[in-house]
Protein backbone atom coordinates (compact mmCIF):
# COMPACT_ATOMS: atom_id res chain seq x y z
CA MET A 1 26.96 38.46 67.60
CA ARG A 2 25.18 35.32 67.25
CA LYS A 3 26.86 32.27 65.82
CA LYS A 4 25.33 30.70 62.71
CA ASN A 5 24.59 27.09 62.74
CA THR A 6 26.59 25.99 59.70
CA LEU A 7 25.35 22.43 59.90
CA ILE A 8 21.72 23.44 59.31
CA ALA A 9 22.70 25.84 56.49
CA ASN A 10 24.73 23.17 54.73
CA ARG A 11 21.90 20.65 55.08
CA SER A 12 19.36 23.01 53.49
CA SER A 13 21.71 23.84 50.58
CA HIS A 14 22.35 20.13 49.99
CA SER A 15 18.61 19.51 50.07
CA ALA A 16 17.96 22.25 47.49
CA ARG A 17 20.77 20.96 45.27
CA ASN A 18 19.44 17.40 45.54
CA ARG A 19 15.96 18.57 44.55
CA LYS A 20 17.38 20.38 41.50
CA LEU A 21 19.38 17.31 40.46
CA LEU A 22 16.37 15.07 40.95
CA ALA A 23 14.19 17.41 38.87
CA ALA A 24 16.83 17.57 36.11
CA ALA A 25 17.15 13.76 36.09
CA GLY A 26 13.36 13.43 35.93
CA ILE A 27 13.17 15.85 32.99
CA LEU A 28 15.94 14.01 31.15
CA LEU A 29 14.24 10.67 31.76
CA ALA A 30 10.92 12.04 30.52
CA LEU A 31 12.59 13.43 27.36
CA TYR A 32 14.29 10.09 26.73
CA LEU A 33 11.05 8.16 27.12
CA PHE A 34 9.17 10.63 24.92
CA ALA A 35 11.81 10.35 22.17
CA HIS A 36 11.79 6.57 22.47
CA ILE A 37 8.01 6.41 22.19
CA ILE A 38 7.98 8.67 19.13
CA PHE A 39 11.15 7.66 17.27
CA GLY A 40 11.97 4.25 18.73
CA GLU A 41 12.04 0.95 16.87
CA MET A 42 8.35 0.38 17.51
CA GLY A 43 7.43 4.02 18.03
CA VAL A 44 4.51 6.05 16.80
CA ILE A 45 6.17 6.95 13.48
CA LYS A 46 6.87 3.30 12.72
CA TYR A 47 3.27 2.46 13.68
CA TYR A 48 1.82 4.94 11.18
CA ARG A 49 4.16 3.72 8.43
CA MET A 50 3.16 0.12 9.08
CA LYS A 51 -0.53 1.07 9.14
CA ALA A 52 -0.20 2.81 5.76
CA GLN A 53 1.60 -0.23 4.36
CA TYR A 54 -1.13 -2.50 5.74
CA ASN A 55 -3.84 -0.40 4.09
CA ALA A 56 -1.97 -0.42 0.76
CA LEU A 57 -1.51 -4.20 0.88
CA THR A 58 -5.15 -4.71 1.84
CA GLY A 59 -6.19 -2.70 -1.21
CA LYS A 60 -3.88 -4.73 -3.45
CA ILE A 61 -5.26 -7.97 -2.05
CA ALA A 62 -8.83 -6.84 -2.74
CA ALA A 63 -7.90 -5.88 -6.32
CA LEU A 64 -6.14 -9.22 -6.86
CA LYS A 65 -9.13 -11.15 -5.50
CA GLN A 66 -11.42 -9.29 -7.87
CA ASP A 67 -9.05 -9.94 -10.77
CA ASN A 68 -8.81 -13.60 -9.77
CA ALA A 69 -12.62 -13.92 -9.76
CA ARG A 70 -12.80 -12.29 -13.20
CA LEU A 71 -10.15 -14.64 -14.58
CA THR A 72 -11.87 -17.67 -13.04
CA TYR A 73 -15.08 -16.65 -14.78
CA GLU A 74 -13.15 -16.15 -18.04
CA VAL A 75 -11.56 -19.62 -17.82
CA ARG A 76 -14.91 -21.25 -17.05
CA ALA A 77 -16.53 -19.43 -19.97
CA LEU A 78 -13.73 -20.43 -22.35
CA LYS A 79 -14.08 -24.07 -21.32
CA THR A 80 -17.86 -24.33 -21.52
CA ASP A 81 -19.47 -21.46 -23.46
CA PRO A 82 -19.20 -21.66 -27.29
CA ASP A 83 -20.70 -18.18 -27.67
CA HIS A 84 -17.94 -16.72 -25.53
CA ILE A 85 -15.30 -18.54 -27.55
CA GLU A 86 -16.82 -17.18 -30.76
CA GLN A 87 -16.85 -13.65 -29.32
CA ILE A 88 -13.16 -13.89 -28.40
CA ALA A 89 -12.31 -15.28 -31.85
CA ARG A 90 -14.13 -12.36 -33.50
CA ASP A 91 -12.69 -9.65 -31.25
CA LYS A 92 -9.10 -10.78 -30.77
CA LEU A 93 -8.38 -12.75 -33.92
CA GLY A 94 -10.62 -10.93 -36.39
CA LEU A 95 -12.27 -14.15 -37.55
CA ALA A 96 -15.63 -14.20 -39.30
CA ARG A 97 -18.13 -16.78 -40.48
CA ARG A 98 -18.44 -17.65 -44.11
CA GLY A 99 -20.31 -15.03 -46.01
CA GLU A 100 -19.71 -12.31 -43.42
CA ILE A 101 -17.77 -9.21 -44.29
CA VAL A 102 -15.60 -7.65 -41.59
CA TYR A 103 -15.12 -3.90 -41.71
CA TYR A 104 -12.20 -2.28 -39.91
CA TYR A 105 -12.48 1.45 -39.32
CA GLY A 106 -11.12 4.13 -37.04
CA GLU A 107 -7.95 3.98 -35.03
CA SER A 108 -8.48 0.40 -33.92
CA GLU A 109 -7.15 -0.78 -37.29
CA ARG A 110 -3.61 -1.86 -36.56
CA GLN A 111 -3.02 -4.35 -39.36
CA ASN A 112 -2.08 -3.62 -42.91
CA PRO A 113 -5.19 -4.10 -45.11
CA ASP A 114 -3.14 -6.45 -47.35
CA THR A 115 -2.57 -8.87 -44.44
CA LEU A 116 -6.20 -9.07 -43.29
CA PRO A 117 -7.84 -12.50 -43.59
CA SER A 118 -10.09 -12.94 -46.56
CA PRO A 119 -13.83 -13.14 -45.92
CA THR A 120 -13.99 -16.65 -47.36
CA GLY A 121 -11.54 -17.95 -44.78
CA ARG A 122 -8.77 -18.83 -47.28
């Protein structure tokens, strides 16, 4: 019978085992990196949350700029436009000129008719 060369057999089994360990370590490293990219502190999930927050804040800023422009116009009109001041006095305060009669109707009437200002301004 022929003698087996145990040194060559052991070397090939070590080589196969080393390849399996190296493959397992590579798979574990790839899984770790994948999880870190997805769920990490600056991962993909965090990126999409921050992008949604950015879009929401951008929308709020646009709405606030529009509101600011409207209020700037309102302030300018209240400082310089007598017709605008008169319109506000009529709408918000219920004031009228002498000789005018103000009629309140519908659901917009919130005051008691006894407490309405008299048409003569007294």
